[in-house]
Amino acid sequence: ESGEKIRITVEDQGSCEFDSIKTMSEAFVKSQK
């Protein structure tokens, strides 16, 4: 919690093939796996 905002973070130790949340969150975009 910071000020009035709440942050929930999910982290793993891998790496992502995408560099942008904008690209990743487009409809029908998915990783090869």
ModelCIF file with pLDDT and N, C-alpha, C, O atoms, coordinates in Angstrom:
data_MODEL
#
_entry.id   MODEL 
#
_entity.id                         1 
_entity.type                       polymer 
_entity.pdbx_number_of_molecules   1 
#
_entity_poly.entity_id                      1 
_entity_poly.type                           'polypeptide(L)' 
_entity_poly.nstd_linkage                   no 
_entity_poly.nstd_monomer                   no 
_entity_poly.pdbx_seq_one_letter_code       ESGEKIRITVEDQGSCEFDSIKTMSEAFVKSQK 
_entity_poly.pdbx_seq_one_letter_code_can   ESGEKIRITVEDQGSCEFDSIKTMSEAFVKSQK 
_entity_poly.pdbx_strand_id                 A 
#
loop_
_entity_poly_seq.entity_id 
_entity_poly_seq.num 
_entity_poly_seq.mon_id 
_entity_poly_seq.hetero 
1 1  GLU n 
1 2  SER n 
1 3  GLY n 
1 4  GLU n 
1 5  LYS n 
1 6  ILE n 
1 7  ARG n 
1 8  ILE n 
1 9  THR n 
1 10 VAL n 
1 11 GLU n 
1 12 ASP n 
1 13 GLN n 
1 14 GLY n 
1 15 SER n 
1 16 CYS n 
1 17 GLU n 
1 18 PHE n 
1 19 ASP n 
1 20 SER n 
1 21 ILE n 
1 22 LYS n 
1 23 THR n 
1 24 MET n 
1 25 SER n 
1 26 GLU n 
1 27 ALA n 
1 28 PHE n 
1 29 VAL n 
1 30 LYS n 
1 31 SER n 
1 32 GLN n 
1 33 LYS n 
#
_struct_asym.id          A 
_struct_asym.entity_id   1 
#
loop_
_ma_qa_metric.id 
_ma_qa_metric.mode 
_ma_qa_metric.name 
_ma_qa_metric.software_group_id 
_ma_qa_metric.type 
1 global pLDDT . pLDDT 
2 local  pLDDT . pLDDT 
#
_ma_qa_metric_global.metric_id      1 
_ma_qa_metric_global.metric_value   89.06 
_ma_qa_metric_global.model_id       1 
_ma_qa_metric_global.ordinal_id     1 
#
loop_
_ma_qa_metric_local.label_asym_id 
_ma_qa_metric_local.label_comp_id 
_ma_qa_metric_local.label_seq_id 
_ma_qa_metric_local.metric_id 
_ma_qa_metric_local.metric_value 
_ma_qa_metric_local.model_id 
_ma_qa_metric_local.ordinal_id 
A GLU 1  2 93.00 1 1  
A SER 2  2 88.00 1 2  
A GLY 3  2 86.00 1 3  
A GLU 4  2 87.00 1 4  
A LYS 5  2 92.00 1 5  
A ILE 6  2 95.00 1 6  
A ARG 7  2 97.00 1 7  
A ILE 8  2 98.00 1 8  
A THR 9  2 98.00 1 9  
A VAL 10 2 98.00 1 10 
A GLU 11 2 97.00 1 11 
A ASP 12 2 96.00 1 12 
A GLN 13 2 95.00 1 13 
A GLY 14 2 90.00 1 14 
A SER 15 2 86.00 1 15 
A CYS 16 2 86.00 1 16 
A GLU 17 2 85.00 1 17 
A PHE 18 2 87.00 1 18 
A ASP 19 2 85.00 1 19 
A SER 20 2 87.00 1 20 
A ILE 21 2 89.00 1 21 
A LYS 22 2 91.00 1 22 
A THR 23 2 89.00 1 23 
A MET 24 2 88.00 1 24 
A SER 25 2 89.00 1 25 
A GLU 26 2 90.00 1 26 
A ALA 27 2 91.00 1 27 
A PHE 28 2 91.00 1 28 
A VAL 29 2 87.00 1 29 
A LYS 30 2 81.00 1 30 
A SER 31 2 78.00 1 31 
A GLN 32 2 75.00 1 32 
A LYS 33 2 74.00 1 33 
#
loop_
_atom_site.group_PDB 
_atom_site.id 
_atom_site.type_symbol 
_atom_site.label_atom_id 
_atom_site.label_alt_id 
_atom_site.label_comp_id 
_atom_site.label_asym_id 
_atom_site.label_entity_id 
_atom_site.label_seq_id 
_atom_site.pdbx_PDB_ins_code 
_atom_site.Cartn_x 
_atom_site.Cartn_y 
_atom_site.Cartn_z 
_atom_site.occupancy 
_atom_site.B_iso_or_equiv 
_atom_site.pdbx_formal_charge 
_atom_site.auth_seq_id 
_atom_site.auth_comp_id 
_atom_site.auth_asym_id 
_atom_site.auth_atom_id 
_atom_site.pdbx_PDB_model_num 
ATOM 1   N N  . GLU A 1 1  ? 0.866  -1.175  0.000   1.00 93.00 ? 1  GLU A N  1 
ATOM 2   C CA . GLU A 1 1  ? 0.000  0.000   0.000   1.00 93.00 ? 1  GLU A CA 1 
ATOM 3   C C  . GLU A 1 1  ? 0.905  1.228   0.000   1.00 93.00 ? 1  GLU A C  1 
ATOM 4   O O  . GLU A 1 1  ? 1.893  1.297   0.731   1.00 93.00 ? 1  GLU A O  1 
ATOM 5   N N  . SER A 1 2  ? 0.543  2.183   -0.832  1.00 88.00 ? 2  SER A N  1 
ATOM 6   C CA . SER A 1 2  ? 1.293  3.434   -0.891  1.00 88.00 ? 2  SER A CA 1 
ATOM 7   C C  . SER A 1 2  ? 0.293  4.562   -1.051  1.00 88.00 ? 2  SER A C  1 
ATOM 8   O O  . SER A 1 2  ? -0.369 4.680   -2.082  1.00 88.00 ? 2  SER A O  1 
ATOM 9   N N  . GLY A 1 3  ? 0.191  5.380   -0.036  1.00 86.00 ? 3  GLY A N  1 
ATOM 10  C CA . GLY A 1 3  ? -0.826 6.428   -0.084  1.00 86.00 ? 3  GLY A CA 1 
ATOM 11  C C  . GLY A 1 3  ? -2.193 5.796   -0.121  1.00 86.00 ? 3  GLY A C  1 
ATOM 12  O O  . GLY A 1 3  ? -2.560 5.030   0.770   1.00 86.00 ? 3  GLY A O  1 
ATOM 13  N N  . GLU A 1 4  ? -2.936 6.115   -1.141  1.00 87.00 ? 4  GLU A N  1 
ATOM 14  C CA . GLU A 1 4  ? -4.284 5.555   -1.279  1.00 87.00 ? 4  GLU A CA 1 
ATOM 15  C C  . GLU A 1 4  ? -4.338 4.409   -2.276  1.00 87.00 ? 4  GLU A C  1 
ATOM 16  O O  . GLU A 1 4  ? -5.412 3.858   -2.517  1.00 87.00 ? 4  GLU A O  1 
ATOM 17  N N  . LYS A 1 5  ? -3.210 4.038   -2.859  1.00 92.00 ? 5  LYS A N  1 
ATOM 18  C CA . LYS A 1 5  ? -3.198 2.971   -3.863  1.00 92.00 ? 5  LYS A CA 1 
ATOM 19  C C  . LYS A 1 5  ? -2.744 1.656   -3.265  1.00 92.00 ? 5  LYS A C  1 
ATOM 20  O O  . LYS A 1 5  ? -1.902 1.614   -2.368  1.00 92.00 ? 5  LYS A O  1 
ATOM 21  N N  . ILE A 1 6  ? -3.324 0.581   -3.783  1.00 95.00 ? 6  ILE A N  1 
ATOM 22  C CA . ILE A 1 6  ? -2.952 -0.772  -3.396  1.00 95.00 ? 6  ILE A CA 1 
ATOM 23  C C  . ILE A 1 6  ? -2.297 -1.432  -4.608  1.00 95.00 ? 6  ILE A C  1 
ATOM 24  O O  . ILE A 1 6  ? -2.792 -1.324  -5.730  1.00 95.00 ? 6  ILE A O  1 
ATOM 25  N N  . ARG A 1 7  ? -1.187 -2.110  -4.370  1.00 97.00 ? 7  ARG A N  1 
ATOM 26  C CA . ARG A 1 7  ? -0.451 -2.796  -5.443  1.00 97.00 ? 7  ARG A CA 1 
ATOM 27  C C  . ARG A 1 7  ? -0.358 -4.276  -5.091  1.00 97.00 ? 7  ARG A C  1 
ATOM 28  O O  . ARG A 1 7  ? 0.081  -4.647  -4.003  1.00 97.00 ? 7  ARG A O  1 
ATOM 29  N N  . ILE A 1 8  ? -0.780 -5.113  -6.036  1.00 98.00 ? 8  ILE A N  1 
ATOM 30  C CA . ILE A 1 8  ? -0.645 -6.564  -5.908  1.00 98.00 ? 8  ILE A CA 1 
ATOM 31  C C  . ILE A 1 8  ? 0.304  -6.993  -7.020  1.00 98.00 ? 8  ILE A C  1 
ATOM 32  O O  . ILE A 1 8  ? 0.002  -6.832  -8.203  1.00 98.00 ? 8  ILE A O  1 
ATOM 33  N N  . THR A 1 9  ? 1.455  -7.540  -6.630  1.00 98.00 ? 9  THR A N  1 
ATOM 34  C CA . THR A 1 9  ? 2.479  -7.912  -7.602  1.00 98.00 ? 9  THR A CA 1 
ATOM 35  C C  . THR A 1 9  ? 2.605  -9.423  -7.674  1.00 98.00 ? 9  THR A C  1 
ATOM 36  O O  . THR A 1 9  ? 2.675  -10.102 -6.649  1.00 98.00 ? 9  THR A O  1 
ATOM 37  N N  . VAL A 1 10 ? 2.631  -9.943  -8.893  1.00 98.00 ? 10 VAL A N  1 
ATOM 38  C CA . VAL A 1 10 ? 2.860  -11.366 -9.148  1.00 98.00 ? 10 VAL A CA 1 
ATOM 39  C C  . VAL A 1 10 ? 4.165  -11.441 -9.937  1.00 98.00 ? 10 VAL A C  1 
ATOM 40  O O  . VAL A 1 10 ? 4.267  -10.900 -11.038 1.00 98.00 ? 10 VAL A O  1 
ATOM 41  N N  . GLU A 1 11 ? 5.165  -12.118 -9.360  1.00 97.00 ? 11 GLU A N  1 
ATOM 42  C CA . GLU A 1 11 ? 6.486  -12.174 -9.977  1.00 97.00 ? 11 GLU A CA 1 
ATOM 43  C C  . GLU A 1 11 ? 6.982  -13.600 -10.019 1.00 97.00 ? 11 GLU A C  1 
ATOM 44  O O  . GLU A 1 11 ? 6.825  -14.355 -9.060  1.00 97.00 ? 11 GLU A O  1 
ATOM 45  N N  . ASP A 1 12 ? 7.589  -13.968 -11.151 1.00 96.00 ? 12 ASP A N  1 
ATOM 46  C CA . ASP A 1 12 ? 8.282  -15.241 -11.230 1.00 96.00 ? 12 ASP A CA 1 
ATOM 47  C C  . ASP A 1 12 ? 9.703  -14.951 -11.703 1.00 96.00 ? 12 ASP A C  1 
ATOM 48  O O  . ASP A 1 12 ? 10.037 -13.800 -11.985 1.00 96.00 ? 12 ASP A O  1 
ATOM 49  N N  . GLN A 1 13 ? 10.520 -15.956 -11.791 1.00 95.00 ? 13 GLN A N  1 
ATOM 50  C CA . GLN A 1 13 ? 11.935 -15.748 -12.109 1.00 95.00 ? 13 GLN A CA 1 
ATOM 51  C C  . GLN A 1 13 ? 12.266 -16.003 -13.571 1.00 95.00 ? 13 GLN A C  1 
ATOM 52  O O  . GLN A 1 13 ? 13.435 -16.141 -13.932 1.00 95.00 ? 13 GLN A O  1 
ATOM 53  N N  . GLY A 1 14 ? 11.246 -16.067 -14.404 1.00 90.00 ? 14 GLY A N  1 
ATOM 54  C CA . GLY A 1 14 ? 11.460 -16.275 -15.826 1.00 90.00 ? 14 GLY A CA 1 
ATOM 55  C C  . GLY A 1 14 ? 11.651 -14.959 -16.551 1.00 90.00 ? 14 GLY A C  1 
ATOM 56  O O  . GLY A 1 14 ? 11.753 -13.898 -15.935 1.00 90.00 ? 14 GLY A O  1 
ATOM 57  N N  . SER A 1 15 ? 11.697 -15.046 -17.857 1.00 86.00 ? 15 SER A N  1 
ATOM 58  C CA . SER A 1 15 ? 11.750 -13.845 -18.680 1.00 86.00 ? 15 SER A CA 1 
ATOM 59  C C  . SER A 1 15 ? 10.644 -13.955 -19.716 1.00 86.00 ? 15 SER A C  1 
ATOM 60  O O  . SER A 1 15 ? 10.231 -15.052 -20.092 1.00 86.00 ? 15 SER A O  1 
ATOM 61  N N  . CYS A 1 16 ? 10.184 -12.829 -20.160 1.00 86.00 ? 16 CYS A N  1 
ATOM 62  C CA . CYS A 1 16 ? 9.034  -12.782 -21.068 1.00 86.00 ? 16 CYS A CA 1 
ATOM 63  C C  . CYS A 1 16 ? 9.500  -12.465 -22.479 1.00 86.00 ? 16 CYS A C  1 
ATOM 64  O O  . CYS A 1 16 ? 10.405 -11.653 -22.669 1.00 86.00 ? 16 CYS A O  1 
ATOM 65  N N  . GLU A 1 17 ? 8.895  -13.091 -23.456 1.00 85.00 ? 17 GLU A N  1 
ATOM 66  C CA . GLU A 1 17 ? 9.261  -12.822 -24.841 1.00 85.00 ? 17 GLU A CA 1 
ATOM 67  C C  . GLU A 1 17 ? 8.732  -11.477 -25.330 1.00 85.00 ? 17 GLU A C  1 
ATOM 68  O O  . GLU A 1 17 ? 9.146  -10.992 -26.383 1.00 85.00 ? 17 GLU A O  1 
ATOM 69  N N  . PHE A 1 18 ? 7.827  -10.879 -24.578 1.00 87.00 ? 18 PHE A N  1 
ATOM 70  C CA . PHE A 1 18 ? 7.289  -9.562  -24.920 1.00 87.00 ? 18 PHE A CA 1 
ATOM 71  C C  . PHE A 1 18 ? 7.973  -8.498  -24.066 1.00 87.00 ? 18 PHE A C  1 
ATOM 72  O O  . PHE A 1 18 ? 8.366  -8.758  -22.929 1.00 87.00 ? 18 PHE A O  1 
ATOM 73  N N  . ASP A 1 19 ? 8.110  -7.302  -24.625 1.00 85.00 ? 19 ASP A N  1 
ATOM 74  C CA . ASP A 1 19 ? 8.711  -6.193  -23.878 1.00 85.00 ? 19 ASP A CA 1 
ATOM 75  C C  . ASP A 1 19 ? 7.689  -5.151  -23.471 1.00 85.00 ? 19 ASP A C  1 
ATOM 76  O O  . ASP A 1 19 ? 8.008  -4.234  -22.714 1.00 85.00 ? 19 ASP A O  1 
ATOM 77  N N  . SER A 1 20 ? 6.463  -5.277  -23.963 1.00 87.00 ? 20 SER A N  1 
ATOM 78  C CA . SER A 1 20 ? 5.468  -4.226  -23.758 1.00 87.00 ? 20 SER A CA 1 
ATOM 79  C C  . SER A 1 20 ? 4.143  -4.803  -23.290 1.00 87.00 ? 20 SER A C  1 
ATOM 80  O O  . SER A 1 20 ? 3.637  -5.768  -23.863 1.00 87.00 ? 20 SER A O  1 
ATOM 81  N N  . ILE A 1 21 ? 3.587  -4.206  -22.246 1.00 89.00 ? 21 ILE A N  1 
ATOM 82  C CA . ILE A 1 21 ? 2.264  -4.611  -21.780 1.00 89.00 ? 21 ILE A CA 1 
ATOM 83  C C  . ILE A 1 21 ? 1.214  -4.267  -22.835 1.00 89.00 ? 21 ILE A C  1 
ATOM 84  O O  . ILE A 1 21 ? 0.202  -4.957  -22.958 1.00 89.00 ? 21 ILE A O  1 
ATOM 85  N N  . LYS A 1 22 ? 1.456  -3.206  -23.590 1.00 91.00 ? 22 LYS A N  1 
ATOM 86  C CA . LYS A 1 22 ? 0.505  -2.812  -24.636 1.00 91.00 ? 22 LYS A CA 1 
ATOM 87  C C  . LYS A 1 22 ? 0.363  -3.917  -25.680 1.00 91.00 ? 22 LYS A C  1 
ATOM 88  O O  . LYS A 1 22 ? -0.750 -4.280  -26.058 1.00 91.00 ? 22 LYS A O  1 
ATOM 89  N N  . THR A 1 23 ? 1.482  -4.443  -26.139 1.00 89.00 ? 23 THR A N  1 
ATOM 90  C CA . THR A 1 23 ? 1.444  -5.529  -27.124 1.00 89.00 ? 23 THR A CA 1 
ATOM 91  C C  . THR A 1 23 ? 0.815  -6.782  -26.541 1.00 89.00 ? 23 THR A C  1 
ATOM 92  O O  . THR A 1 23 ? -0.041 -7.410  -27.164 1.00 89.00 ? 23 THR A O  1 
ATOM 93  N N  . MET A 1 24 ? 1.252  -7.140  -25.328 1.00 88.00 ? 24 MET A N  1 
ATOM 94  C CA . MET A 1 24 ? 0.787  -8.366  -24.694 1.00 88.00 ? 24 MET A CA 1 
ATOM 95  C C  . MET A 1 24 ? -0.702 -8.369  -24.399 1.00 88.00 ? 24 MET A C  1 
ATOM 96  O O  . MET A 1 24 ? -1.337 -9.423  -24.420 1.00 88.00 ? 24 MET A O  1 
ATOM 97  N N  . SER A 1 25 ? -1.267 -7.194  -24.124 1.00 89.00 ? 25 SER A N  1 
ATOM 98  C CA . SER A 1 25 ? -2.673 -7.139  -23.721 1.00 89.00 ? 25 SER A CA 1 
ATOM 99  C C  . SER A 1 25 ? -3.626 -6.915  -24.894 1.00 89.00 ? 25 SER A C  1 
ATOM 100 O O  . SER A 1 25 ? -4.824 -6.723  -24.688 1.00 89.00 ? 25 SER A O  1 
ATOM 101 N N  . GLU A 1 26 ? -3.103 -6.939  -26.124 1.00 90.00 ? 26 GLU A N  1 
ATOM 102 C CA . GLU A 1 26 ? -3.992 -6.878  -27.280 1.00 90.00 ? 26 GLU A CA 1 
ATOM 103 C C  . GLU A 1 26 ? -4.729 -8.219  -27.412 1.00 90.00 ? 26 GLU A C  1 
ATOM 104 O O  . GLU A 1 26 ? -4.204 -9.269  -27.043 1.00 90.00 ? 26 GLU A O  1 
ATOM 105 N N  . ALA A 1 27 ? -5.930 -8.160  -27.934 1.00 91.00 ? 27 ALA A N  1 
ATOM 106 C CA . ALA A 1 27 ? -6.733 -9.384  -28.100 1.00 91.00 ? 27 ALA A CA 1 
ATOM 107 C C  . ALA A 1 27 ? -6.021 -10.373 -29.017 1.00 91.00 ? 27 ALA A C  1 
ATOM 108 O O  . ALA A 1 27 ? -5.474 -9.995  -30.052 1.00 91.00 ? 27 ALA A O  1 
ATOM 109 N N  . PHE A 1 28 ? -6.035 -11.620 -28.629 1.00 91.00 ? 28 PHE A N  1 
ATOM 110 C CA . PHE A 1 28 ? -5.516 -12.765 -29.374 1.00 91.00 ? 28 PHE A CA 1 
ATOM 111 C C  . PHE A 1 28 ? -3.988 -12.810 -29.488 1.00 91.00 ? 28 PHE A C  1 
ATOM 112 O O  . PHE A 1 28 ? -3.454 -13.583 -30.283 1.00 91.00 ? 28 PHE A O  1 
ATOM 113 N N  . VAL A 1 29 ? -3.282 -11.993 -28.703 1.00 87.00 ? 29 VAL A N  1 
ATOM 114 C CA . VAL A 1 29 ? -1.822 -12.069 -28.655 1.00 87.00 ? 29 VAL A CA 1 
ATOM 115 C C  . VAL A 1 29 ? -1.454 -13.043 -27.550 1.00 87.00 ? 29 VAL A C  1 
ATOM 116 O O  . VAL A 1 29 ? -1.940 -12.927 -26.425 1.00 87.00 ? 29 VAL A O  1 
ATOM 117 N N  . LYS A 1 30 ? -0.592 -14.008 -27.871 1.00 81.00 ? 30 LYS A N  1 
ATOM 118 C CA . LYS A 1 30 ? -0.199 -14.993 -26.871 1.00 81.00 ? 30 LYS A CA 1 
ATOM 119 C C  . LYS A 1 30 ? 1.221  -15.454 -27.135 1.00 81.00 ? 30 LYS A C  1 
ATOM 120 O O  . LYS A 1 30 ? 1.740  -15.318 -28.243 1.00 81.00 ? 30 LYS A O  1 
ATOM 121 N N  . SER A 1 31 ? 1.840  -16.001 -26.101 1.00 78.00 ? 31 SER A N  1 
ATOM 122 C CA . SER A 1 31 ? 3.199  -16.513 -26.250 1.00 78.00 ? 31 SER A CA 1 
ATOM 123 C C  . SER A 1 31 ? 3.173  -17.816 -27.043 1.00 78.00 ? 31 SER A C  1 
ATOM 124 O O  . SER A 1 31 ? 2.121  -18.429 -27.228 1.00 78.00 ? 31 SER A O  1 
ATOM 125 N N  . GLN A 1 32 ? 4.333  -18.219 -27.500 1.00 75.00 ? 32 GLN A N  1 
ATOM 126 C CA . GLN A 1 32 ? 4.421  -19.459 -28.267 1.00 75.00 ? 32 GLN A CA 1 
ATOM 127 C C  . GLN A 1 32 ? 4.064  -20.677 -27.431 1.00 75.00 ? 32 GLN A C  1 
ATOM 128 O O  . GLN A 1 32 ? 3.608  -21.687 -27.968 1.00 75.00 ? 32 GLN A O  1 
ATOM 129 N N  . LYS A 1 33 ? 4.270  -20.589 -26.103 1.00 74.00 ? 33 LYS A N  1 
ATOM 130 C CA . LYS A 1 33 ? 3.971  -21.720 -25.210 1.00 74.00 ? 33 LYS A CA 1 
ATOM 131 C C  . LYS A 1 33 ? 2.502  -21.784 -24.804 1.00 74.00 ? 33 LYS A C  1 
ATOM 132 O O  . LYS A 1 33 ? 2.106  -22.680 -24.058 1.00 74.00 ? 33 LYS A O  1 
#
